[in-house]
Amino acid sequence: MKNTKLISIIIIISLLIVVSTLVALYLTNSFAIWGVCRPGTQSAQTPSGKICYIPSGKDGQKCKTEKDCNGGGCRLVDSDSEYPGVCKDQQFGCFVWIDENGDYDANQVVCID
């Protein structure tokens, strides 16, 4: 009877350790390589693999400065417009980026991979 109780306790403790480890890995986005992200984050494919990121809520909206993008980047699309850029949460690729002051050099292409 003692052995059965001891084995049961060991099994329960082992299960608790496994479950708490899996929860901790999930909450730290450690499963990003499989496209599994914790609540409030989204999965994205990058040149170096999948990642989880916090969406800005501004992706695809027009912008004048990087500040308009709530943490994303402001990519130049039309230098003749009142709002020359569009917000991008994922900043991978080669673009002209508008900085936090609304400044940019249309001839300076920045590539992020």
PDB file of N, CA and C in Angstrom:
ATOM      1  N   MET A   1       0.811  -1.188   0.000  1.00  0.00           N
ATOM      2  CA  MET A   1       0.000   0.000   0.000  1.00  0.00           C
ATOM      3  C   MET A   1       0.859   1.257   0.000  1.00  0.00           C
ATOM      4  N   LYS A   2       1.967   1.212   0.768  1.00  0.00           N
ATOM      5  CA  LYS A   2       2.874   2.366   0.811  1.00  0.00           C
ATOM      6  C   LYS A   2       3.442   2.652  -0.563  1.00  0.00           C
ATOM      7  N   ASN A   3       3.841   1.593  -1.269  1.00  0.00           N
ATOM      8  CA  ASN A   3       4.435   1.777  -2.590  1.00  0.00           C
ATOM      9  C   ASN A   3       3.435   2.379  -3.577  1.00  0.00           C
ATOM     10  N   THR A   4       2.180   1.987  -3.488  1.00  0.00           N
ATOM     11  CA  THR A   4       1.160   2.516  -4.380  1.00  0.00           C
ATOM     12  C   THR A   4       0.960   4.002  -4.137  1.00  0.00           C
ATOM     13  N   LYS A   5       0.915   4.426  -2.887  1.00  0.00           N
ATOM     14  CA  LYS A   5       0.774   5.848  -2.561  1.00  0.00           C
ATOM     15  C   LYS A   5       1.977   6.633  -3.052  1.00  0.00           C
ATOM     16  N   LEU A   6       3.160   6.104  -2.817  1.00  0.00           N
ATOM     17  CA  LEU A   6       4.386   6.780  -3.233  1.00  0.00           C
ATOM     18  C   LEU A   6       4.434   6.916  -4.755  1.00  0.00           C
ATOM     19  N   ILE A   7       4.084   5.859  -5.457  1.00  0.00           N
ATOM     20  CA  ILE A   7       4.080   5.897  -6.922  1.00  0.00           C
ATOM     21  C   ILE A   7       3.042   6.913  -7.415  1.00  0.00           C
ATOM     22  N   SER A   8       1.878   6.949  -6.786  1.00  0.00           N
ATOM     23  CA  SER A   8       0.840   7.904  -7.164  1.00  0.00           C
ATOM     24  C   SER A   8       1.311   9.333  -6.957  1.00  0.00           C
ATOM     25  N   ILE A   9       1.962   9.592  -5.843  1.00  0.00           N
ATOM     26  CA  ILE A   9       2.487  10.932  -5.556  1.00  0.00           C
ATOM     27  C   ILE A   9       3.551  11.321  -6.578  1.00  0.00           C
ATOM     28  N   ILE A  10       4.425  10.404  -6.906  1.00  0.00           N
ATOM     29  CA  ILE A  10       5.477  10.668  -7.892  1.00  0.00           C
ATOM     30  C   ILE A  10       4.866  10.961  -9.260  1.00  0.00           C
ATOM     31  N   ILE A  11       3.849  10.203  -9.649  1.00  0.00           N
ATOM     32  CA  ILE A  11       3.187  10.434 -10.938  1.00  0.00           C
ATOM     33  C   ILE A  11       2.513  11.802 -10.956  1.00  0.00           C
ATOM     34  N   ILE A  12       1.810  12.162  -9.891  1.00  0.00           N
ATOM     35  CA  ILE A  12       1.124  13.454  -9.816  1.00  0.00           C
ATOM     36  C   ILE A  12       2.130  14.604  -9.880  1.00  0.00           C
ATOM     37  N   ILE A  13       3.213  14.498  -9.135  1.00  0.00           N
ATOM     38  CA  ILE A  13       4.247  15.547  -9.149  1.00  0.00           C
ATOM     39  C   ILE A  13       4.879  15.652 -10.536  1.00  0.00           C
ATOM     40  N   SER A  14       5.136  14.527 -11.161  1.00  0.00           N
ATOM     41  CA  SER A  14       5.720  14.529 -12.508  1.00  0.00           C
ATOM     42  C   SER A  14       4.783  15.194 -13.513  1.00  0.00           C
ATOM     43  N   LEU A  15       3.493  14.885 -13.429  1.00  0.00           N
ATOM     44  CA  LEU A  15       2.515  15.497 -14.323  1.00  0.00           C
ATOM     45  C   LEU A  15       2.430  17.006 -14.093  1.00  0.00           C
ATOM     46  N   LEU A  16       2.454  17.428 -12.852  1.00  0.00           N
ATOM     47  CA  LEU A  16       2.428  18.853 -12.541  1.00  0.00           C
ATOM     48  C   LEU A  16       3.645  19.569 -13.119  1.00  0.00           C
ATOM     49  N   ILE A  17       4.793  18.950 -13.025  1.00  0.00           N
ATOM     50  CA  ILE A  17       6.021  19.537 -13.569  1.00  0.00           C
ATOM     51  C   ILE A  17       5.928  19.647 -15.092  1.00  0.00           C
ATOM     52  N   VAL A  18       5.450  18.590 -15.743  1.00  0.00           N
ATOM     53  CA  VAL A  18       5.332  18.604 -17.202  1.00  0.00           C
ATOM     54  C   VAL A  18       4.329  19.666 -17.646  1.00  0.00           C
ATOM     55  N   VAL A  19       3.167  19.703 -17.015  1.00  0.00           N
ATOM     56  CA  VAL A  19       2.140  20.677 -17.389  1.00  0.00           C
ATOM     57  C   VAL A  19       2.624  22.101 -17.148  1.00  0.00           C
ATOM     58  N   SER A  20       3.247  22.361 -15.997  1.00  0.00           N
ATOM     59  CA  SER A  20       3.719  23.727 -15.713  1.00  0.00           C
ATOM     60  C   SER A  20       4.840  24.130 -16.668  1.00  0.00           C
ATOM     61  N   THR A  21       5.670  23.207 -17.075  1.00  0.00           N
ATOM     62  CA  THR A  21       6.722  23.491 -18.048  1.00  0.00           C
ATOM     63  C   THR A  21       6.121  23.839 -19.413  1.00  0.00           C
ATOM     64  N   LEU A  22       5.120  23.069 -19.838  1.00  0.00           N
ATOM     65  CA  LEU A  22       4.465  23.352 -21.114  1.00  0.00           C
ATOM     66  C   LEU A  22       3.758  24.707 -21.096  1.00  0.00           C
ATOM     67  N   VAL A  23       3.108  25.038 -19.987  1.00  0.00           N
ATOM     68  CA  VAL A  23       2.444  26.334 -19.860  1.00  0.00           C
ATOM     69  C   VAL A  23       3.474  27.463 -19.919  1.00  0.00           C
ATOM     70  N   ALA A  24       4.583  27.301 -19.209  1.00  0.00           N
ATOM     71  CA  ALA A  24       5.637  28.324 -19.213  1.00  0.00           C
ATOM     72  C   ALA A  24       6.210  28.503 -20.622  1.00  0.00           C
ATOM     73  N   LEU A  25       6.423  27.425 -21.326  1.00  0.00           N
ATOM     74  CA  LEU A  25       6.942  27.511 -22.696  1.00  0.00           C
ATOM     75  C   LEU A  25       5.935  28.205 -23.613  1.00  0.00           C
ATOM     76  N   TYR A  26       4.658  27.905 -23.449  1.00  0.00           N
ATOM     77  CA  TYR A  26       3.613  28.550 -24.254  1.00  0.00           C
ATOM     78  C   TYR A  26       3.558  30.047 -23.974  1.00  0.00           C
ATOM     79  N   LEU A  27       3.595  30.437 -22.715  1.00  0.00           N
ATOM     80  CA  LEU A  27       3.483  31.847 -22.353  1.00  0.00           C
ATOM     81  C   LEU A  27       4.707  32.670 -22.736  1.00  0.00           C
ATOM     82  N   THR A  28       5.824  32.036 -23.005  1.00  0.00           N
ATOM     83  CA  THR A  28       7.025  32.748 -23.443  1.00  0.00           C
ATOM     84  C   THR A  28       7.241  32.631 -24.958  1.00  0.00           C
ATOM     85  N   ASN A  29       6.203  32.180 -25.662  1.00  0.00           N
ATOM     86  CA  ASN A  29       6.245  32.031 -27.122  1.00  0.00           C
ATOM     87  C   ASN A  29       7.345  31.091 -27.610  1.00  0.00           C
ATOM     88  N   SER A  30       7.665  30.097 -26.802  1.00  0.00           N
ATOM     89  CA  SER A  30       8.695  29.140 -27.195  1.00  0.00           C
ATOM     90  C   SER A  30       8.227  28.179 -28.287  1.00  0.00           C
ATOM     91  N   PHE A  31       6.936  28.153 -28.578  1.00  0.00           N
ATOM     92  CA  PHE A  31       6.409  27.290 -29.628  1.00  0.00           C
ATOM     93  C   PHE A  31       6.220  28.055 -30.941  1.00  0.00           C
ATOM     94  N   ALA A  32       6.850  29.216 -31.052  1.00  0.00           N
ATOM     95  CA  ALA A  32       6.715  30.065 -32.245  1.00  0.00           C
ATOM     96  C   ALA A  32       7.122  29.333 -33.524  1.00  0.00           C
ATOM     97  N   ILE A  33       8.096  28.462 -33.439  1.00  0.00           N
ATOM     98  CA  ILE A  33       8.559  27.759 -34.647  1.00  0.00           C
ATOM     99  C   ILE A  33       7.460  26.901 -35.267  1.00  0.00           C
ATOM    100  N   TRP A  34       6.441  26.581 -34.488  1.00  0.00           N
ATOM    101  CA  TRP A  34       5.296  25.822 -34.998  1.00  0.00           C
ATOM    102  C   TRP A  34       4.085  26.725 -35.237  1.00  0.00           C
ATOM    103  N   GLY A  35       4.277  28.044 -35.116  1.00  0.00           N
ATOM    104  CA  GLY A  35       3.194  28.981 -35.346  1.00  0.00           C
ATOM    105  C   GLY A  35       2.221  29.103 -34.190  1.00  0.00           C
ATOM    106  N   VAL A  36       2.616  28.627 -33.013  1.00  0.00           N
ATOM    107  CA  VAL A  36       1.760  28.706 -31.825  1.00  0.00           C
ATOM    108  C   VAL A  36       2.252  29.852 -30.955  1.00  0.00           C
ATOM    109  N   CYS A  37       1.400  30.870 -30.796  1.00  0.00           N
ATOM    110  CA  CYS A  37       1.770  32.058 -30.030  1.00  0.00           C
ATOM    111  C   CYS A  37       0.797  32.265 -28.874  1.00  0.00           C
ATOM    112  N   ARG A  38       1.279  32.881 -27.823  1.00  0.00           N
ATOM    113  CA  ARG A  38       0.419  33.146 -26.662  1.00  0.00           C
ATOM    114  C   ARG A  38      -0.642  34.177 -27.031  1.00  0.00           C
ATOM    115  N   PRO A  39      -1.692  34.279 -26.247  1.00  0.00           N
ATOM    116  CA  PRO A  39      -2.751  35.246 -26.534  1.00  0.00           C
ATOM    117  C   PRO A  39      -2.198  36.673 -26.617  1.00  0.00           C
ATOM    118  N   GLY A  40      -2.717  37.444 -27.555  1.00  0.00           N
ATOM    119  CA  GLY A  40      -2.274  38.823 -27.732  1.00  0.00           C
ATOM    120  C   GLY A  40      -1.122  38.979 -28.696  1.00  0.00           C
ATOM    121  N   THR A  41      -0.596  37.858 -29.179  1.00  0.00           N
ATOM    122  CA  THR A  41       0.493  37.908 -30.154  1.00  0.00           C
ATOM    123  C   THR A  41       0.068  37.155 -31.411  1.00  0.00           C
ATOM    124  N   GLN A  42       0.787  37.395 -32.499  1.00  0.00           N
ATOM    125  CA  GLN A  42       0.501  36.730 -33.762  1.00  0.00           C
ATOM    126  C   GLN A  42       1.767  36.100 -34.317  1.00  0.00           C
ATOM    127  N   SER A  43       1.586  35.103 -35.134  1.00  0.00           N
ATOM    128  CA  SER A  43       2.702  34.411 -35.767  1.00  0.00           C
ATOM    129  C   SER A  43       3.020  35.065 -37.107  1.00  0.00           C
ATOM    130  N   ALA A  44       4.307  35.119 -37.436  1.00  0.00           N
ATOM    131  CA  ALA A  44       4.742  35.643 -38.731  1.00  0.00           C
ATOM    132  C   ALA A  44       5.951  34.854 -39.213  1.00  0.00           C
ATOM    133  N   GLN A  45       6.028  34.687 -40.517  1.00  0.00           N
ATOM    134  CA  GLN A  45       7.174  34.019 -41.131  1.00  0.00           C
ATOM    135  C   GLN A  45       8.228  35.066 -41.469  1.00  0.00           C
ATOM    136  N   THR A  46       9.446  34.869 -41.018  1.00  0.00           N
ATOM    137  CA  THR A  46      10.562  35.753 -41.330  1.00  0.00           C
ATOM    138  C   THR A  46      11.599  34.949 -42.113  1.00  0.00           C
ATOM    139  N   PRO A  47      12.592  35.609 -42.659  1.00  0.00           N
ATOM    140  CA  PRO A  47      13.633  34.860 -43.377  1.00  0.00           C
ATOM    141  C   PRO A  47      14.352  33.827 -42.498  1.00  0.00           C
ATOM    142  N   SER A  48      14.383  34.063 -41.194  1.00  0.00           N
ATOM    143  CA  SER A  48      15.083  33.131 -40.306  1.00  0.00           C
ATOM    144  C   SER A  48      14.136  32.170 -39.572  1.00  0.00           C
ATOM    145  N   GLY A  49      12.852  32.168 -39.902  1.00  0.00           N
ATOM    146  CA  GLY A  49      11.897  31.259 -39.277  1.00  0.00           C
ATOM    147  C   GLY A  49      10.681  31.990 -38.753  1.00  0.00           C
ATOM    148  N   LYS A  50       9.816  31.250 -38.082  1.00  0.00           N
ATOM    149  CA  LYS A  50       8.595  31.843 -37.547  1.00  0.00           C
ATOM    150  C   LYS A  50       8.869  32.553 -36.230  1.00  0.00           C
ATOM    151  N   ILE A  51       8.156  33.654 -36.012  1.00  0.00           N
ATOM    152  CA  ILE A  51       8.255  34.417 -34.771  1.00  0.00           C
ATOM    153  C   ILE A  51       6.854  34.768 -34.288  1.00  0.00           C
ATOM    154  N   CYS A  52       6.752  35.191 -33.048  1.00  0.00           N
ATOM    155  CA  CYS A  52       5.525  35.751 -32.499  1.00  0.00           C
ATOM    156  C   CYS A  52       5.791  37.226 -32.222  1.00  0.00           C
ATOM    157  N   TYR A  53       4.809  38.064 -32.530  1.00  0.00           N
ATOM    158  CA  TYR A  53       4.973  39.499 -32.304  1.00  0.00           C
ATOM    159  C   TYR A  53       3.662  40.087 -31.810  1.00  0.00           C
ATOM    160  N   ILE A  54       3.743  41.245 -31.186  1.00  0.00           N
ATOM    161  CA  ILE A  54       2.557  41.945 -30.715  1.00  0.00           C
ATOM    162  C   ILE A  54       2.099  42.870 -31.835  1.00  0.00           C
ATOM    163  N   PRO A  55       0.899  42.645 -32.374  1.00  0.00           N
ATOM    164  CA  PRO A  55       0.430  43.507 -33.458  1.00  0.00           C
ATOM    165  C   PRO A  55       0.181  44.931 -32.960  1.00  0.00           C
ATOM    166  N   SER A  56       0.449  45.899 -33.825  1.00  0.00           N
ATOM    167  CA  SER A  56       0.309  47.310 -33.451  1.00  0.00           C
ATOM    168  C   SER A  56      -1.134  47.790 -33.514  1.00  0.00           C
ATOM    169  N   GLY A  57      -1.952  47.102 -34.283  1.00  0.00           N
ATOM    170  CA  GLY A  57      -3.310  47.577 -34.516  1.00  0.00           C
ATOM    171  C   GLY A  57      -3.362  48.648 -35.599  1.00  0.00           C
ATOM    172  N   LYS A  58      -2.205  48.962 -36.172  1.00  0.00           N
ATOM    173  CA  LYS A  58      -2.119  50.013 -37.195  1.00  0.00           C
ATOM    174  C   LYS A  58      -1.645  49.476 -38.543  1.00  0.00           C
ATOM    175  N   ASP A  59      -1.373  48.204 -38.641  1.00  0.00           N
ATOM    176  CA  ASP A  59      -0.834  47.619 -39.865  1.00  0.00           C
ATOM    177  C   ASP A  59      -1.722  47.948 -41.068  1.00  0.00           C
ATOM    178  N   GLY A  60      -1.127  48.530 -42.114  1.00  0.00           N
ATOM    179  CA  GLY A  60      -1.840  48.869 -43.326  1.00  0.00           C
ATOM    180  C   GLY A  60      -2.455  50.264 -43.335  1.00  0.00           C
ATOM    181  N   GLN A  61      -2.421  50.958 -42.200  1.00  0.00           N
ATOM    182  CA  GLN A  61      -2.988  52.311 -42.146  1.00  0.00           C
ATOM    183  C   GLN A  61      -1.973  53.337 -42.635  1.00  0.00           C
ATOM    184  N   LYS A  62      -2.478  54.465 -43.135  1.00  0.00           N
ATOM    185  CA  LYS A  62      -1.607  55.531 -43.631  1.00  0.00           C
ATOM    186  C   LYS A  62      -0.871  56.186 -42.464  1.00  0.00           C
ATOM    187  N   CYS A  63       0.349  56.698 -42.747  1.00  0.00           N
ATOM    188  CA  CYS A  63       1.144  57.330 -41.698  1.00  0.00           C
ATOM    189  C   CYS A  63       1.987  58.470 -42.260  1.00  0.00           C
ATOM    190  N   LYS A  64       2.317  59.402 -41.365  1.00  0.00           N
ATOM    191  CA  LYS A  64       3.241  60.496 -41.683  1.00  0.00           C
ATOM    192  C   LYS A  64       4.595  60.240 -41.034  1.00  0.00           C
ATOM    193  N   THR A  65       4.562  59.638 -39.844  1.00  0.00           N
ATOM    194  CA  THR A  65       5.781  59.350 -39.089  1.00  0.00           C
ATOM    195  C   THR A  65       5.692  57.947 -38.501  1.00  0.00           C
ATOM    196  N   GLU A  66       6.815  57.469 -38.026  1.00  0.00           N
ATOM    197  CA  GLU A  66       6.864  56.164 -37.367  1.00  0.00           C
ATOM    198  C   GLU A  66       5.960  56.137 -36.129  1.00  0.00           C
ATOM    199  N   LYS A  67       5.819  57.288 -35.474  1.00  0.00           N
ATOM    200  CA  LYS A  67       4.976  57.382 -34.271  1.00  0.00           C
ATOM    201  C   LYS A  67       3.525  57.027 -34.555  1.00  0.00           C
ATOM    202  N   ASP A  68       3.067  57.269 -35.784  1.00  0.00           N
ATOM    203  CA  ASP A  68       1.688  56.957 -36.159  1.00  0.00           C
ATOM    204  C   ASP A  68       1.409  55.454 -36.165  1.00  0.00           C
ATOM    205  N   CYS A  69       2.459  54.658 -36.120  1.00  0.00           N
ATOM    206  CA  CYS A  69       2.315  53.213 -36.310  1.00  0.00           C
ATOM    207  C   CYS A  69       2.316  52.406 -35.021  1.00  0.00           C
ATOM    208  N   ASN A  70       2.307  53.054 -33.866  1.00  0.00           N
ATOM    209  CA  ASN A  70       2.121  52.357 -32.594  1.00  0.00           C
ATOM    210  C   ASN A  70       3.096  51.196 -32.403  1.00  0.00           C
ATOM    211  N   GLY A  71       4.350  51.408 -32.741  1.00  0.00           N
ATOM    212  CA  GLY A  71       5.369  50.374 -32.567  1.00  0.00           C
ATOM    213  C   GLY A  71       5.782  49.695 -33.861  1.00  0.00           C
ATOM    214  N   GLY A  72       5.000  49.827 -34.910  1.00  0.00           N
ATOM    215  CA  GLY A  72       5.385  49.285 -36.212  1.00  0.00           C
ATOM    216  C   GLY A  72       6.236  50.303 -36.953  1.00  0.00           C
ATOM    217  N   GLY A  73       6.557  50.034 -38.194  1.00  0.00           N
ATOM    218  CA  GLY A  73       7.339  50.955 -39.003  1.00  0.00           C
ATOM    219  C   GLY A  73       6.469  51.651 -40.035  1.00  0.00           C
ATOM    220  N   CYS A  74       6.883  52.844 -40.456  1.00  0.00           N
ATOM    221  CA  CYS A  74       6.157  53.615 -41.472  1.00  0.00           C
ATOM    222  C   CYS A  74       6.951  53.514 -42.773  1.00  0.00           C
ATOM    223  N   ARG A  75       6.404  52.774 -43.747  1.00  0.00           N
ATOM    224  CA  ARG A  75       7.077  52.521 -45.018  1.00  0.00           C
ATOM    225  C   ARG A  75       6.591  53.525 -46.062  1.00  0.00           C
ATOM    226  N   LEU A  76       7.533  54.177 -46.740  1.00  0.00           N
ATOM    227  CA  LEU A  76       7.198  55.156 -47.782  1.00  0.00           C
ATOM    228  C   LEU A  76       6.512  54.464 -48.955  1.00  0.00           C
ATOM    229  N   VAL A  77       5.361  55.026 -49.374  1.00  0.00           N
ATOM    230  CA  VAL A  77       4.673  54.508 -50.554  1.00  0.00           C
ATOM    231  C   VAL A  77       4.373  55.600 -51.584  1.00  0.00           C
ATOM    232  N   ASP A  78       4.176  56.852 -51.119  1.00  0.00           N
ATOM    233  CA  ASP A  78       3.832  57.942 -52.045  1.00  0.00           C
ATOM    234  C   ASP A  78       4.353  59.258 -51.471  1.00  0.00           C
ATOM    235  N   SER A  79       5.510  59.701 -51.936  1.00  0.00           N
ATOM    236  CA  SER A  79       6.143  60.900 -51.370  1.00  0.00           C
ATOM    237  C   SER A  79       5.354  62.170 -51.650  1.00  0.00           C
ATOM    238  N   ASP A  80       4.432  62.150 -52.595  1.00  0.00           N
ATOM    239  CA  ASP A  80       3.636  63.335 -52.927  1.00  0.00           C
ATOM    240  C   ASP A  80       2.342  63.431 -52.129  1.00  0.00           C
ATOM    241  N   SER A  81       2.083  62.496 -51.267  1.00  0.00           N
ATOM    242  CA  SER A  81       0.836  62.452 -50.512  1.00  0.00           C
ATOM    243  C   SER A  81       0.981  63.143 -49.161  1.00  0.00           C
ATOM    244  N   GLU A  82      -0.158  63.567 -48.589  1.00  0.00           N
ATOM    245  CA  GLU A  82      -0.145  64.133 -47.232  1.00  0.00           C
ATOM    246  C   GLU A  82       0.300  63.062 -46.233  1.00  0.00           C
ATOM    247  N   TYR A  83      -0.122  61.834 -46.471  1.00  0.00           N
ATOM    248  CA  TYR A  83       0.318  60.686 -45.679  1.00  0.00           C
ATOM    249  C   TYR A  83       1.172  59.815 -46.593  1.00  0.00           C
ATOM    250  N   PRO A  84       2.490  60.046 -46.607  1.00  0.00           N
ATOM    251  CA  PRO A  84       3.344  59.369 -47.592  1.00  0.00           C
ATOM    252  C   PRO A  84       3.611  57.896 -47.312  1.00  0.00           C
ATOM    253  N   GLY A  85       3.266  57.419 -46.110  1.00  0.00           N
ATOM    254  CA  GLY A  85       3.627  56.053 -45.759  1.00  0.00           C
ATOM    255  C   GLY A  85       2.446  55.183 -45.391  1.00  0.00           C
ATOM    256  N   VAL A  86       2.765  53.908 -45.168  1.00  0.00           N
ATOM    257  CA  VAL A  86       1.794  52.937 -44.678  1.00  0.00           C
ATOM    258  C   VAL A  86       2.472  52.158 -43.547  1.00  0.00           C
ATOM    259  N   CYS A  87       1.735  51.933 -42.468  1.00  0.00           N
ATOM    260  CA  CYS A  87       2.279  51.221 -41.305  1.00  0.00           C
ATOM    261  C   CYS A  87       2.463  49.741 -41.619  1.00  0.00           C
ATOM    262  N   LYS A  88       3.580  49.195 -41.169  1.00  0.00           N
ATOM    263  CA  LYS A  88       3.879  47.768 -41.331  1.00  0.00           C
ATOM    264  C   LYS A  88       4.334  47.209 -39.988  1.00  0.00           C
ATOM    265  N   ASP A  89       3.614  46.206 -39.490  1.00  0.00           N
ATOM    266  CA  ASP A  89       4.041  45.536 -38.261  1.00  0.00           C
ATOM    267  C   ASP A  89       5.314  44.734 -38.506  1.00  0.00           C
ATOM    268  N   GLN A  90       5.320  43.989 -39.593  1.00  0.00           N
ATOM    269  CA  GLN A  90       6.486  43.186 -39.941  1.00  0.00           C
ATOM    270  C   GLN A  90       7.345  43.980 -40.908  1.00  0.00           C
ATOM    271  N   GLN A  91       8.553  44.308 -40.488  1.00  0.00           N
ATOM    272  CA  GLN A  91       9.392  45.226 -41.246  1.00  0.00           C
ATOM    273  C   GLN A  91      10.473  44.515 -42.052  1.00  0.00           C
ATOM    274  N   PHE A  92      10.215  43.284 -42.462  1.00  0.00           N
ATOM    275  CA  PHE A  92      11.201  42.536 -43.226  1.00  0.00           C
ATOM    276  C   PHE A  92      11.086  42.874 -44.701  1.00  0.00           C
ATOM    277  N   GLY A  93      12.212  43.040 -45.342  1.00  0.00           N
ATOM    278  CA  GLY A  93      12.237  43.381 -46.753  1.00  0.00           C
ATOM    279  C   GLY A  93      13.018  44.666 -46.974  1.00  0.00           C
ATOM    280  N   CYS A  94      12.989  45.167 -48.183  1.00  0.00           N
ATOM    281  CA  CYS A  94      13.727  46.376 -48.547  1.00  0.00           C
ATOM    282  C   CYS A  94      12.751  47.503 -48.864  1.00  0.00           C
ATOM    283  N   PHE A  95      12.813  48.565 -48.091  1.00  0.00           N
ATOM    284  CA  PHE A  95      11.894  49.692 -48.238  1.00  0.00           C
ATOM    285  C   PHE A  95      12.593  50.983 -47.843  1.00  0.00           C
ATOM    286  N   VAL A  96      11.948  52.104 -48.150  1.00  0.00           N
ATOM    287  CA  VAL A  96      12.346  53.407 -47.610  1.00  0.00           C
ATOM    288  C   VAL A  96      11.468  53.608 -46.376  1.00  0.00           C
ATOM    289  N   TRP A  97      12.105  53.817 -45.227  1.00  0.00           N
ATOM    290  CA  TRP A  97      11.381  53.952 -43.964  1.00  0.00           C
ATOM    291  C   TRP A  97      11.326  55.410 -43.543  1.00  0.00           C
ATOM    292  N   ILE A  98      10.176  55.828 -43.034  1.00  0.00           N
ATOM    293  CA  ILE A  98       9.980  57.183 -42.524  1.00  0.00           C
ATOM    294  C   ILE A  98      10.238  57.143 -41.017  1.00  0.00           C
ATOM    295  N   ASP A  99      11.091  58.043 -40.519  1.00  0.00           N
ATOM    296  CA  ASP A  99      11.456  57.987 -39.096  1.00  0.00           C
ATOM    297  C   ASP A  99      10.415  58.664 -38.206  1.00  0.00           C
ATOM    298  N   GLU A 100      10.731  58.741 -36.904  1.00  0.00           N
ATOM    299  CA  GLU A 100       9.788  59.295 -35.923  1.00  0.00           C
ATOM    300  C   GLU A 100       9.522  60.787 -36.112  1.00  0.00           C
ATOM    301  N   ASN A 101      10.381  61.463 -36.883  1.00  0.00           N
ATOM    302  CA  ASN A 101      10.180  62.890 -37.161  1.00  0.00           C
ATOM    303  C   ASN A 101       9.496  63.134 -38.509  1.00  0.00           C
ATOM    304  N   GLY A 102       9.210  62.058 -39.231  1.00  0.00           N
ATOM    305  CA  GLY A 102       8.605  62.196 -40.553  1.00  0.00           C
ATOM    306  C   GLY A 102       9.619  62.393 -41.655  1.00  0.00           C
ATOM    307  N   ASP A 103      10.895  62.225 -41.333  1.00  0.00           N
ATOM    308  CA  ASP A 103      11.970  62.404 -42.315  1.00  0.00           C
ATOM    309  C   ASP A 103      12.300  61.093 -43.011  1.00  0.00           C
ATOM    310  N   TYR A 104      12.708  61.203 -44.269  1.00  0.00           N
ATOM    311  CA  TYR A 104      13.160  60.041 -45.025  1.00  0.00           C
ATOM    312  C   TYR A 104      13.996  60.514 -46.210  1.00  0.00           C
ATOM    313  N   ASP A 105      14.786  59.613 -46.745  1.00  0.00           N
ATOM    314  CA  ASP A 105      15.545  59.869 -47.965  1.00  0.00           C
ATOM    315  C   ASP A 105      15.041  58.859 -48.986  1.00  0.00           C
ATOM    316  N   ALA A 106      14.322  59.325 -49.986  1.00  0.00           N
ATOM    317  CA  ALA A 106      13.701  58.436 -50.971  1.00  0.00           C
ATOM    318  C   ALA A 106      14.731  57.574 -51.706  1.00  0.00           C
ATOM    319  N   ASN A 107      16.002  57.956 -51.660  1.00  0.00           N
ATOM    320  CA  ASN A 107      17.050  57.182 -52.322  1.00  0.00           C
ATOM    321  C   ASN A 107      17.739  56.192 -51.384  1.00  0.00           C
ATOM    322  N   GLN A 108      17.362  56.228 -50.117  1.00  0.00           N
ATOM    323  CA  GLN A 108      18.000  55.336 -49.143  1.00  0.00           C
ATOM    324  C   GLN A 108      17.071  54.169 -48.815  1.00  0.00           C
ATOM    325  N   VAL A 109      17.339  53.055 -49.428  1.00  0.00           N
ATOM    326  CA  VAL A 109      16.545  51.838 -49.204  1.00  0.00           C
ATOM    327  C   VAL A 109      17.218  51.051 -48.081  1.00  0.00           C
ATOM    328  N   VAL A 110      16.412  50.699 -47.092  1.00  0.00           N
ATOM    329  CA  VAL A 110      16.913  49.919 -45.960  1.00  0.00           C
ATOM    330  C   VAL A 110      16.326  48.518 -46.047  1.00  0.00           C
ATOM    331  N   CYS A 111      17.193  47.518 -45.924  1.00  0.00           N
ATOM    332  CA  CYS A 111      16.742  46.127 -45.978  1.00  0.00           C
ATOM    333  C   CYS A 111      16.883  45.491 -44.598  1.00  0.00           C
ATOM    334  N   ILE A 112      15.813  44.840 -44.164  1.00  0.00           N
ATOM    335  CA  ILE A 112      15.812  44.142 -42.880  1.00  0.00           C
ATOM    336  C   ILE A 112      15.442  42.697 -43.145  1.00  0.00           C
ATOM    337  N   ASP A 113      16.320  41.780 -42.712  1.00  0.00           N
ATOM    338  CA  ASP A 113      16.010  40.358 -42.890  1.00  0.00           C
ATOM    339  C   ASP A 113      16.217  39.562 -41.645  1.00  0.00           C
TER     340      ASP A 113
END
